[in-house]
Protein backbone atom coordinates (compact mmCIF):
# COMPACT_ATOMS: atom_id res chain seq x y z
CA MET A 1 -32.04 -9.92 0.98
CA THR A 2 -31.45 -11.78 -2.28
CA GLY A 3 -31.51 -10.10 -5.69
CA LYS A 4 -30.66 -6.53 -6.74
CA GLY A 5 -30.49 -3.84 -4.12
CA LYS A 6 -28.89 -0.66 -2.81
CA GLU A 7 -27.14 0.32 0.45
CA TYR A 8 -27.08 3.82 1.86
CA TYR A 9 -25.13 5.50 4.62
CA TYR A 10 -27.68 8.04 5.80
CA TRP A 11 -28.70 9.50 2.42
CA ASP A 12 -25.50 8.67 0.48
CA LEU A 13 -25.54 5.66 -1.85
CA ILE A 14 -22.58 3.41 -0.93
CA PHE A 15 -23.38 0.23 -2.90
CA GLU A 16 -25.68 -0.97 -5.61
CA GLY A 17 -25.70 -4.45 -7.05
CA GLU A 18 -26.56 -8.06 -6.45
CA TYR A 19 -27.02 -9.74 -3.07
CA LEU A 20 -27.33 -13.31 -1.87
CA ASN A 21 -28.53 -13.94 1.68
CA GLY A 22 -27.85 -10.31 2.66
CA LYS A 23 -24.25 -10.21 1.31
CA LYS A 24 -22.84 -8.60 -1.83
CA ASN A 25 -22.73 -11.40 -4.37
CA GLY A 26 -22.39 -10.93 -8.13
CA LYS A 27 -21.91 -7.66 -9.97
CA GLY A 28 -21.89 -4.43 -8.00
CA LYS A 29 -20.62 -0.87 -7.60
CA GLU A 30 -19.23 0.90 -4.51
CA TYR A 31 -19.45 4.67 -4.00
CA TYR A 32 -17.85 7.17 -1.65
CA ASN A 33 -19.26 10.71 -1.30
CA GLY A 34 -21.26 10.11 -4.48
CA ASP A 35 -18.23 9.07 -6.56
CA LEU A 36 -17.85 5.59 -8.07
CA LYS A 37 -14.86 3.89 -6.35
CA PHE A 38 -15.16 0.25 -7.50
CA GLU A 39 -17.17 -1.78 -9.96
CA GLY A 40 -16.81 -5.49 -10.37
CA GLU A 41 -17.71 -8.89 -9.00
CA TYR A 42 -18.31 -9.91 -5.37
CA LEU A 43 -18.60 -13.16 -3.46
CA ASN A 44 -19.79 -13.26 0.16
CA GLY A 45 -19.37 -9.47 0.51
CA LYS A 46 -15.80 -9.23 -0.88
CA LYS A 47 -14.26 -8.25 -4.20
CA TRP A 48 -13.66 -11.76 -5.39
CA ASN A 49 -12.24 -13.96 -8.13
CA GLY A 50 -13.42 -11.69 -10.86
CA ASN A 51 -12.74 -8.63 -12.89
CA GLY A 52 -13.03 -5.18 -11.42
CA LYS A 53 -12.03 -1.54 -11.69
CA GLU A 54 -10.98 0.80 -8.90
CA TYR A 55 -11.39 4.54 -9.37
CA GLY A 56 -9.44 7.38 -7.83
CA PHE A 57 -9.94 11.11 -7.92
CA ASP A 58 -11.63 12.67 -10.94
CA ASP A 59 -13.20 9.29 -11.81
CA LYS A 60 -9.90 8.00 -13.24
CA VAL A 61 -9.25 4.24 -13.24
CA ILE A 62 -6.38 3.47 -10.83
CA PHE A 63 -6.54 -0.35 -11.08
CA GLU A 64 -8.13 -2.61 -13.64
CA GLY A 65 -7.91 -6.36 -13.53
CA LYS A 66 -8.70 -9.53 -11.65
CA TYR A 67 -9.16 -9.95 -7.92
CA LEU A 68 -8.60 -13.10 -5.86
CA ASN A 69 -9.82 -13.48 -2.28
CA GLY A 70 -10.56 -9.76 -2.10
CA LYS A 71 -7.03 -8.71 -3.24
CA LYS A 72 -5.66 -7.39 -6.51
CA TRP A 73 -4.26 -10.36 -8.41
CA ASN A 74 -3.73 -9.78 -12.15
CA GLY A 75 -4.00 -6.36 -13.75
CA ASN A 76 -2.66 -2.88 -14.23
CA GLY A 77 -2.36 0.10 -11.89
CA TYR A 78 -2.42 3.70 -13.12
CA ASP A 79 -1.54 7.11 -11.74
CA ARG A 80 -3.93 10.07 -11.84
CA LYS A 81 -2.72 11.01 -15.29
CA GLY A 82 -3.58 7.55 -16.64
CA ASN A 83 0.04 6.39 -16.91
CA LEU A 84 0.71 2.71 -16.24
CA ILE A 85 2.67 2.49 -12.97
CA TYR A 86 2.51 -1.23 -12.22
CA LYS A 87 1.45 -4.60 -13.54
CA LEU A 88 0.50 -7.49 -11.27
CA ILE A 89 0.74 -11.11 -12.37
CA GLY A 90 -0.31 -13.67 -9.78
CA GLY A 91 -0.28 -10.96 -7.09
CA ILE A 92 3.38 -10.11 -7.78
CA GLY A 93 4.72 -7.08 -9.60
CA ASN A 94 6.98 -4.07 -9.54
CA VAL A 95 5.11 -1.03 -8.34
CA LYS A 96 5.69 2.70 -8.43
CA GLU A 97 3.11 4.37 -6.19
CA ASN A 98 2.70 8.08 -6.16
CA GLU A 99 0.72 10.70 -4.33
CA GLU A 100 0.02 14.02 -6.01
CA TYR A 101 2.56 13.02 -8.69
CA SER A 102 5.35 12.59 -6.12
CA ILE A 103 6.73 9.04 -5.79
CA ILE A 104 6.08 7.50 -2.37
CA PHE A 105 7.04 3.83 -2.99
CA VAL A 106 8.98 1.93 -5.64
CA GLY A 107 9.34 -1.81 -5.28
CA GLU A 108 7.72 -5.24 -5.38
CA TYR A 109 4.24 -6.33 -4.40
CA LEU A 110 4.18 -9.92 -3.22
CA ASN A 111 1.70 -12.43 -1.82
CA LEU A 112 -1.63 -10.70 -2.30
CA GLY A 113 -0.59 -7.22 -1.25
CA GLY A 114 2.49 -7.51 0.98
CA LYS A 115 5.59 -5.71 -0.22
CA GLY A 116 9.02 -7.21 -1.03
CA ASN A 117 12.11 -5.06 -1.62
CA GLY A 118 11.36 -1.39 -1.95
CA GLU A 119 12.14 2.27 -1.41
CA GLU A 120 10.00 4.91 0.34
CA TYR A 121 10.10 8.60 -0.57
CA TYR A 122 8.84 11.75 1.11
CA LYS A 123 8.32 14.71 -1.23
CA GLY A 124 10.71 13.12 -3.72
CA VAL A 125 13.49 12.38 -1.17
CA LEU A 126 14.51 8.78 -0.38
CA ILE A 127 13.76 8.08 3.31
CA PHE A 128 13.91 4.28 3.47
CA LYS A 129 15.33 1.40 1.46
CA GLY A 130 14.83 -2.21 2.49
CA LYS A 131 12.47 -5.16 2.81
CA TYR A 132 8.74 -5.28 3.51
CA LEU A 133 6.32 -7.97 4.55
CA ASN A 134 2.56 -7.49 5.01
CA TRP A 135 2.89 -3.78 4.20
CA LYS A 136 5.38 -3.18 7.05
CA ARG A 137 9.16 -2.82 7.19
CA ASN A 138 10.52 -6.30 7.93
CA GLY A 139 14.10 -7.47 7.53
CA LYS A 140 17.15 -5.42 6.63
CA GLY A 141 16.65 -1.75 5.92
CA THR A 142 18.16 1.72 6.00
CA ASP A 143 16.49 5.01 7.05
CA TYR A 144 17.74 8.30 5.66
CA ASP A 145 17.19 11.91 6.72
CA ILE A 146 16.25 14.53 4.12
CA SER A 147 19.95 15.33 3.58
CA GLY A 148 20.69 11.72 2.61
CA ASN A 149 22.48 10.80 5.86
CA ILE A 150 21.92 7.26 7.17
CA ILE A 151 19.97 7.61 10.44
CA PHE A 152 19.23 3.91 11.03
CA GLU A 153 20.74 0.82 9.55
CA GLY A 154 19.70 -2.60 10.68
CA GLU A 155 16.74 -4.94 10.97
CA TYR A 156 13.05 -4.22 11.30
CA LEU A 157 10.36 -6.43 12.75
CA ASN A 158 6.69 -5.64 12.03
CA GLY A 159 7.51 -2.05 11.10
CA LYS A 160 9.66 -1.35 14.19
CA LYS A 161 13.40 -0.88 14.51
CA TRP A 162 14.62 -4.15 16.00
CA ASN A 163 18.39 -4.64 15.75
CA GLY A 164 20.76 -2.00 14.45
CA LYS A 165 22.44 1.34 14.92
CA VAL A 166 20.78 4.78 15.14
CA LYS A 167 22.68 7.93 14.22
CA LYS A 168 21.68 11.56 14.56
CA TYR A 169 23.24 14.41 12.64
CA GLU A 170 23.26 18.14 13.13
CA ASP A 171 24.60 20.40 10.39
CA GLY A 172 26.02 17.31 8.66
CA LYS A 173 27.97 16.16 11.74
CA LEU A 174 27.29 13.01 13.70
CA ILE A 175 26.22 14.03 17.23
CA PHE A 176 25.27 10.67 18.77
CA LYS A 177 24.78 6.97 18.22
CA LYS A 178 22.37 4.53 19.83
CA GLU A 179 21.62 0.91 19.19
CA TYR A 180 18.49 -1.24 19.05
CA ILE A 181 18.82 -4.73 20.48
CA ASN A 182 15.65 -6.85 20.22
CA GLY A 183 13.53 -3.70 19.87
CA ILE A 184 15.00 -1.83 22.87
CA LYS A 185 17.05 1.35 22.28
CA LYS A 186 20.36 1.48 24.17
CA LYS A 187 23.13 4.06 24.29
CA ILE A 188 26.43 3.05 22.70
CA ASN A 189 29.55 3.72 24.74
CA SER A 190 32.08 5.65 22.67
């Protein structure tokens, strides 16, 4: 198909826009459950090298800017209240993500979507502080329990604890320690 067209999933409209040789190419809009989720430019089926807007709940814009190779490149991200929470320049920026107005990540976005240094939160409580690569924990980092105790300190590889010490607390008291060596958990003799 070449020209303007529409795609449906059963009876729900999921895309309307321009096609070239059966792929999204040119201006288009994506929908999910009847709600507009993205409008912008496509090349070979991907959000590409052009301007676009992503929409969240209640039809609010959550990102507006330029895409490169299908990834957010230059632009602004917003929370559900319309507050600016990050700015990307060349795919790099400081980000403050939130879910239901509770912060879940504060840190850097690097290299077309991977994360640099950052902090993760769960219901407003810091649970991890360290380095990220390709959206996973990679490099030095520290895990915390909800009381603020350090429960792991060491290195991560592809999101997994790799080298470092594990601690477990009960009623604020350390009850055991273990260690990860090359991704394998071992008991520490004490």
